[in-house]
Amino acid sequence: MTRMLLTLFCGIDDADQVAVALREHASAPVHLRREAVLGRDYADAATAERVAGTLDRMAIEVELDASQVAGALDAAAQTRRRLPFRWRTVTIEQGGRIE
């Protein structure tokens, strides 16, 4: 069983709906982190973001089994969103909890 870290990058206003969809699909904790993205790829930007040159995004992370990734992406895609989202996965080699 391969564990994956799925990260989605979406608009701030879309984050709550996407996070709830991921939590319901994966039954796992969902982590949200606000980010400011500076760059030249504005294909996902709202009009105000294009003017400012900064994209305000939320990074949403959930750890899940590799077999759940496609379903999680489908769940996120079905949410009502204002902007598109980007995503990536990373294989988790090791992890745990230390007390």
N, C-alpha and C. Protein backbone atom coordinates (compact mmCIF):
# COMPACT_ATOMS: atom_id res chain seq x y z
N MET A 1 0.84 -1.17 0.00
CA MET A 1 0.00 0.00 0.00
C MET A 1 0.90 1.24 0.00
N THR A 2 0.81 2.03 -1.05
CA THR A 2 1.62 3.23 -1.18
C THR A 2 0.84 4.43 -0.65
N ARG A 3 1.46 5.17 0.27
CA ARG A 3 0.84 6.38 0.81
C ARG A 3 1.31 7.57 -0.01
N MET A 4 0.38 8.48 -0.30
CA MET A 4 0.67 9.66 -1.11
C MET A 4 0.26 10.91 -0.35
N LEU A 5 0.95 12.00 -0.62
CA LEU A 5 0.55 13.31 -0.14
C LEU A 5 0.00 14.04 -1.35
N LEU A 6 -1.29 14.31 -1.34
CA LEU A 6 -1.94 15.05 -2.42
C LEU A 6 -2.05 16.50 -2.00
N THR A 7 -1.53 17.40 -2.84
CA THR A 7 -1.60 18.83 -2.57
C THR A 7 -2.35 19.49 -3.71
N LEU A 8 -3.37 20.26 -3.36
CA LEU A 8 -4.12 21.05 -4.33
C LEU A 8 -3.88 22.52 -4.04
N PHE A 9 -3.73 23.31 -5.08
CA PHE A 9 -3.54 24.75 -4.95
C PHE A 9 -4.75 25.42 -5.60
N CYS A 10 -5.55 26.10 -4.79
CA CYS A 10 -6.79 26.69 -5.31
C CYS A 10 -6.95 28.11 -4.79
N GLY A 11 -7.94 28.80 -5.34
CA GLY A 11 -8.25 30.15 -4.88
C GLY A 11 -8.72 30.13 -3.44
N ILE A 12 -8.46 31.21 -2.73
CA ILE A 12 -8.84 31.32 -1.32
C ILE A 12 -10.34 31.08 -1.14
N ASP A 13 -11.15 31.66 -2.00
CA ASP A 13 -12.61 31.54 -1.87
C ASP A 13 -13.11 30.13 -2.15
N ASP A 14 -12.33 29.33 -2.84
CA ASP A 14 -12.74 27.96 -3.19
C ASP A 14 -12.27 26.93 -2.17
N ALA A 15 -11.40 27.31 -1.27
CA ALA A 15 -10.70 26.36 -0.40
C ALA A 15 -11.64 25.57 0.51
N ASP A 16 -12.62 26.22 1.12
CA ASP A 16 -13.49 25.50 2.06
C ASP A 16 -14.24 24.36 1.39
N GLN A 17 -14.81 24.62 0.21
CA GLN A 17 -15.56 23.58 -0.50
C GLN A 17 -14.67 22.43 -0.91
N VAL A 18 -13.48 22.74 -1.40
CA VAL A 18 -12.54 21.70 -1.83
C VAL A 18 -12.08 20.88 -0.63
N ALA A 19 -11.75 21.55 0.48
CA ALA A 19 -11.28 20.85 1.67
C ALA A 19 -12.34 19.90 2.22
N VAL A 20 -13.59 20.33 2.25
CA VAL A 20 -14.68 19.48 2.74
C VAL A 20 -14.84 18.26 1.83
N ALA A 21 -14.77 18.47 0.52
CA ALA A 21 -14.89 17.35 -0.42
C ALA A 21 -13.77 16.34 -0.22
N LEU A 22 -12.56 16.82 -0.01
CA LEU A 22 -11.43 15.91 0.22
C LEU A 22 -11.57 15.17 1.54
N ARG A 23 -12.00 15.86 2.58
CA ARG A 23 -12.16 15.22 3.88
C ARG A 23 -13.22 14.13 3.82
N GLU A 24 -14.32 14.40 3.13
CA GLU A 24 -15.38 13.40 3.01
C GLU A 24 -14.94 12.21 2.18
N HIS A 25 -14.16 12.46 1.15
CA HIS A 25 -13.70 11.36 0.30
C HIS A 25 -12.66 10.49 1.00
N ALA A 26 -11.68 11.12 1.62
CA ALA A 26 -10.54 10.39 2.16
C ALA A 26 -10.71 9.98 3.62
N SER A 27 -11.65 10.59 4.32
CA SER A 27 -11.81 10.35 5.76
C SER A 27 -10.47 10.50 6.48
N ALA A 28 -9.75 11.55 6.13
CA ALA A 28 -8.43 11.82 6.71
C ALA A 28 -8.32 13.30 7.01
N PRO A 29 -7.42 13.67 7.91
CA PRO A 29 -7.22 15.10 8.19
C PRO A 29 -6.78 15.86 6.93
N VAL A 30 -7.30 17.04 6.80
CA VAL A 30 -6.98 17.90 5.66
C VAL A 30 -6.29 19.15 6.21
N HIS A 31 -5.13 19.47 5.67
CA HIS A 31 -4.35 20.62 6.12
C HIS A 31 -4.47 21.74 5.10
N LEU A 32 -4.71 22.96 5.59
CA LEU A 32 -4.82 24.13 4.73
C LEU A 32 -3.72 25.13 5.09
N ARG A 33 -3.11 25.70 4.05
CA ARG A 33 -2.03 26.67 4.25
C ARG A 33 -2.19 27.77 3.20
N ARG A 34 -2.28 29.00 3.66
CA ARG A 34 -2.42 30.13 2.75
C ARG A 34 -1.07 30.48 2.14
N GLU A 35 -1.06 30.79 0.83
CA GLU A 35 0.18 31.10 0.12
C GLU A 35 -0.03 32.29 -0.81
N ALA A 36 1.02 33.05 -0.99
CA ALA A 36 1.06 34.09 -2.01
C ALA A 36 2.01 33.60 -3.10
N VAL A 37 1.55 33.57 -4.32
CA VAL A 37 2.34 33.05 -5.43
C VAL A 37 2.77 34.21 -6.32
N LEU A 38 4.06 34.37 -6.45
CA LEU A 38 4.62 35.40 -7.33
C LEU A 38 5.14 34.70 -8.57
N GLY A 39 4.78 35.20 -9.72
CA GLY A 39 5.26 34.54 -10.92
C GLY A 39 4.66 35.13 -12.16
N ARG A 40 4.86 34.43 -13.26
CA ARG A 40 4.40 34.93 -14.55
C ARG A 40 3.33 34.05 -15.18
N ASP A 41 2.94 32.99 -14.51
CA ASP A 41 1.91 32.10 -15.05
C ASP A 41 0.57 32.52 -14.46
N TYR A 42 -0.16 33.32 -15.19
CA TYR A 42 -1.41 33.86 -14.68
C TYR A 42 -2.64 33.22 -15.32
N ALA A 43 -2.48 32.04 -15.89
CA ALA A 43 -3.61 31.37 -16.52
C ALA A 43 -4.73 31.07 -15.53
N ASP A 44 -4.39 30.87 -14.25
CA ASP A 44 -5.39 30.57 -13.23
C ASP A 44 -5.84 31.81 -12.46
N ALA A 45 -5.33 32.97 -12.81
CA ALA A 45 -5.56 34.17 -12.01
C ALA A 45 -6.90 34.83 -12.30
N ALA A 46 -7.47 35.40 -11.25
CA ALA A 46 -8.63 36.27 -11.40
C ALA A 46 -8.13 37.61 -11.91
N THR A 47 -9.03 38.46 -12.36
CA THR A 47 -8.63 39.75 -12.94
C THR A 47 -7.82 40.59 -11.96
N ALA A 48 -8.27 40.70 -10.72
CA ALA A 48 -7.55 41.51 -9.73
C ALA A 48 -6.15 40.95 -9.47
N GLU A 49 -6.01 39.64 -9.53
CA GLU A 49 -4.70 39.03 -9.31
C GLU A 49 -3.76 39.34 -10.46
N ARG A 50 -4.28 39.40 -11.67
CA ARG A 50 -3.44 39.75 -12.82
C ARG A 50 -2.92 41.17 -12.70
N VAL A 51 -3.77 42.06 -12.23
CA VAL A 51 -3.36 43.46 -12.06
C VAL A 51 -2.30 43.57 -10.98
N ALA A 52 -2.50 42.88 -9.85
CA ALA A 52 -1.57 42.95 -8.72
C ALA A 52 -0.28 42.17 -8.97
N GLY A 53 -0.35 41.15 -9.82
CA GLY A 53 0.82 40.32 -10.07
C GLY A 53 1.09 39.30 -8.99
N THR A 54 0.11 39.08 -8.12
CA THR A 54 0.23 38.11 -7.03
C THR A 54 -1.04 37.26 -6.99
N LEU A 55 -0.84 35.95 -6.91
CA LEU A 55 -1.98 35.05 -6.79
C LEU A 55 -2.12 34.63 -5.33
N ASP A 56 -3.28 34.85 -4.75
CA ASP A 56 -3.57 34.39 -3.40
C ASP A 56 -4.16 33.00 -3.50
N ARG A 57 -3.46 32.02 -2.94
CA ARG A 57 -3.87 30.63 -3.06
C ARG A 57 -3.88 29.95 -1.71
N MET A 58 -4.61 28.86 -1.66
CA MET A 58 -4.63 28.00 -0.48
C MET A 58 -4.06 26.66 -0.93
N ALA A 59 -3.07 26.17 -0.20
CA ALA A 59 -2.53 24.83 -0.43
C ALA A 59 -3.30 23.89 0.50
N ILE A 60 -3.91 22.87 -0.07
CA ILE A 60 -4.70 21.91 0.69
C ILE A 60 -4.02 20.56 0.56
N GLU A 61 -3.64 19.98 1.70
CA GLU A 61 -2.91 18.71 1.69
C GLU A 61 -3.68 17.63 2.43
N VAL A 62 -3.65 16.44 1.87
CA VAL A 62 -4.25 15.28 2.52
C VAL A 62 -3.39 14.07 2.19
N GLU A 63 -3.16 13.25 3.21
CA GLU A 63 -2.41 12.01 3.03
C GLU A 63 -3.41 10.89 2.78
N LEU A 64 -3.18 10.13 1.72
CA LEU A 64 -4.11 9.06 1.40
C LEU A 64 -3.42 7.93 0.66
N ASP A 65 -4.13 6.84 0.49
CA ASP A 65 -3.61 5.69 -0.25
C ASP A 65 -3.58 6.05 -1.73
N ALA A 66 -2.62 5.54 -2.45
CA ALA A 66 -2.47 5.85 -3.88
C ALA A 66 -3.74 5.55 -4.67
N SER A 67 -4.48 4.53 -4.26
CA SER A 67 -5.71 4.16 -4.96
C SER A 67 -6.83 5.18 -4.77
N GLN A 68 -6.67 6.10 -3.82
CA GLN A 68 -7.70 7.11 -3.55
C GLN A 68 -7.46 8.43 -4.28
N VAL A 69 -6.33 8.59 -4.92
CA VAL A 69 -5.98 9.88 -5.53
C VAL A 69 -6.97 10.28 -6.61
N ALA A 70 -7.28 9.40 -7.53
CA ALA A 70 -8.19 9.74 -8.62
C ALA A 70 -9.56 10.13 -8.09
N GLY A 71 -10.06 9.41 -7.11
CA GLY A 71 -11.36 9.74 -6.52
C GLY A 71 -11.34 11.07 -5.80
N ALA A 72 -10.23 11.36 -5.12
CA ALA A 72 -10.11 12.64 -4.42
C ALA A 72 -10.09 13.80 -5.42
N LEU A 73 -9.40 13.63 -6.53
CA LEU A 73 -9.38 14.67 -7.55
C LEU A 73 -10.76 14.86 -8.16
N ASP A 74 -11.48 13.77 -8.39
CA ASP A 74 -12.85 13.87 -8.90
C ASP A 74 -13.74 14.61 -7.92
N ALA A 75 -13.61 14.29 -6.63
CA ALA A 75 -14.42 14.97 -5.61
C ALA A 75 -14.13 16.47 -5.59
N ALA A 76 -12.85 16.83 -5.67
CA ALA A 76 -12.49 18.25 -5.69
C ALA A 76 -13.00 18.93 -6.96
N ALA A 77 -12.92 18.24 -8.08
CA ALA A 77 -13.35 18.82 -9.35
C ALA A 77 -14.86 19.06 -9.39
N GLN A 78 -15.62 18.29 -8.63
CA GLN A 78 -17.08 18.43 -8.64
C GLN A 78 -17.57 19.59 -7.77
N THR A 79 -16.70 20.20 -6.98
CA THR A 79 -17.13 21.30 -6.12
C THR A 79 -17.40 22.54 -6.95
N ARG A 80 -18.20 23.43 -6.39
CA ARG A 80 -18.45 24.72 -7.05
C ARG A 80 -17.27 25.62 -6.76
N ARG A 81 -16.54 25.96 -7.81
CA ARG A 81 -15.33 26.78 -7.67
C ARG A 81 -15.40 27.97 -8.60
N ARG A 82 -14.73 29.03 -8.19
CA ARG A 82 -14.62 30.21 -9.03
C ARG A 82 -13.44 30.11 -9.97
N LEU A 83 -12.36 29.44 -9.51
CA LEU A 83 -11.12 29.35 -10.28
C LEU A 83 -10.70 27.89 -10.43
N PRO A 84 -9.88 27.58 -11.43
CA PRO A 84 -9.32 26.23 -11.55
C PRO A 84 -8.32 25.96 -10.42
N PHE A 85 -7.97 24.71 -10.23
CA PHE A 85 -6.94 24.39 -9.24
C PHE A 85 -5.86 23.55 -9.89
N ARG A 86 -4.69 23.59 -9.29
CA ARG A 86 -3.56 22.75 -9.71
C ARG A 86 -3.33 21.73 -8.62
N TRP A 87 -2.68 20.63 -8.96
CA TRP A 87 -2.45 19.58 -7.97
C TRP A 87 -1.16 18.84 -8.27
N ARG A 88 -0.66 18.17 -7.23
CA ARG A 88 0.51 17.29 -7.38
C ARG A 88 0.47 16.25 -6.27
N THR A 89 1.18 15.17 -6.51
CA THR A 89 1.31 14.13 -5.49
C THR A 89 2.78 13.86 -5.22
N VAL A 90 3.06 13.43 -4.01
CA VAL A 90 4.40 13.05 -3.60
C VAL A 90 4.26 11.74 -2.82
N THR A 91 5.10 10.79 -3.13
CA THR A 91 5.09 9.52 -2.39
C THR A 91 5.67 9.75 -1.00
N ILE A 92 5.01 9.21 0.00
CA ILE A 92 5.50 9.31 1.37
C ILE A 92 6.35 8.08 1.66
N GLU A 93 7.62 8.30 1.84
CA GLU A 93 8.55 7.21 2.11
C GLU A 93 8.51 6.79 3.57
N GLN A 94 8.50 7.80 4.47
CA GLN A 94 8.47 7.53 5.90
C GLN A 94 7.65 8.60 6.59
N GLY A 95 7.17 8.29 7.75
CA GLY A 95 6.41 9.24 8.54
C GLY A 95 6.01 8.60 9.85
N GLY A 96 5.58 9.40 10.76
CA GLY A 96 5.15 8.86 12.05
C GLY A 96 4.84 9.96 13.02
N ARG A 97 4.79 9.58 14.26
CA ARG A 97 4.49 10.52 15.34
C ARG A 97 5.48 10.26 16.47
N ILE A 98 6.05 11.32 16.99
CA ILE A 98 7.02 11.20 18.08
C ILE A 98 6.46 11.97 19.28
N GLU A 99 6.44 11.30 20.41
CA GLU A 99 5.97 11.97 21.64
C GLU A 99 7.11 12.31 22.53
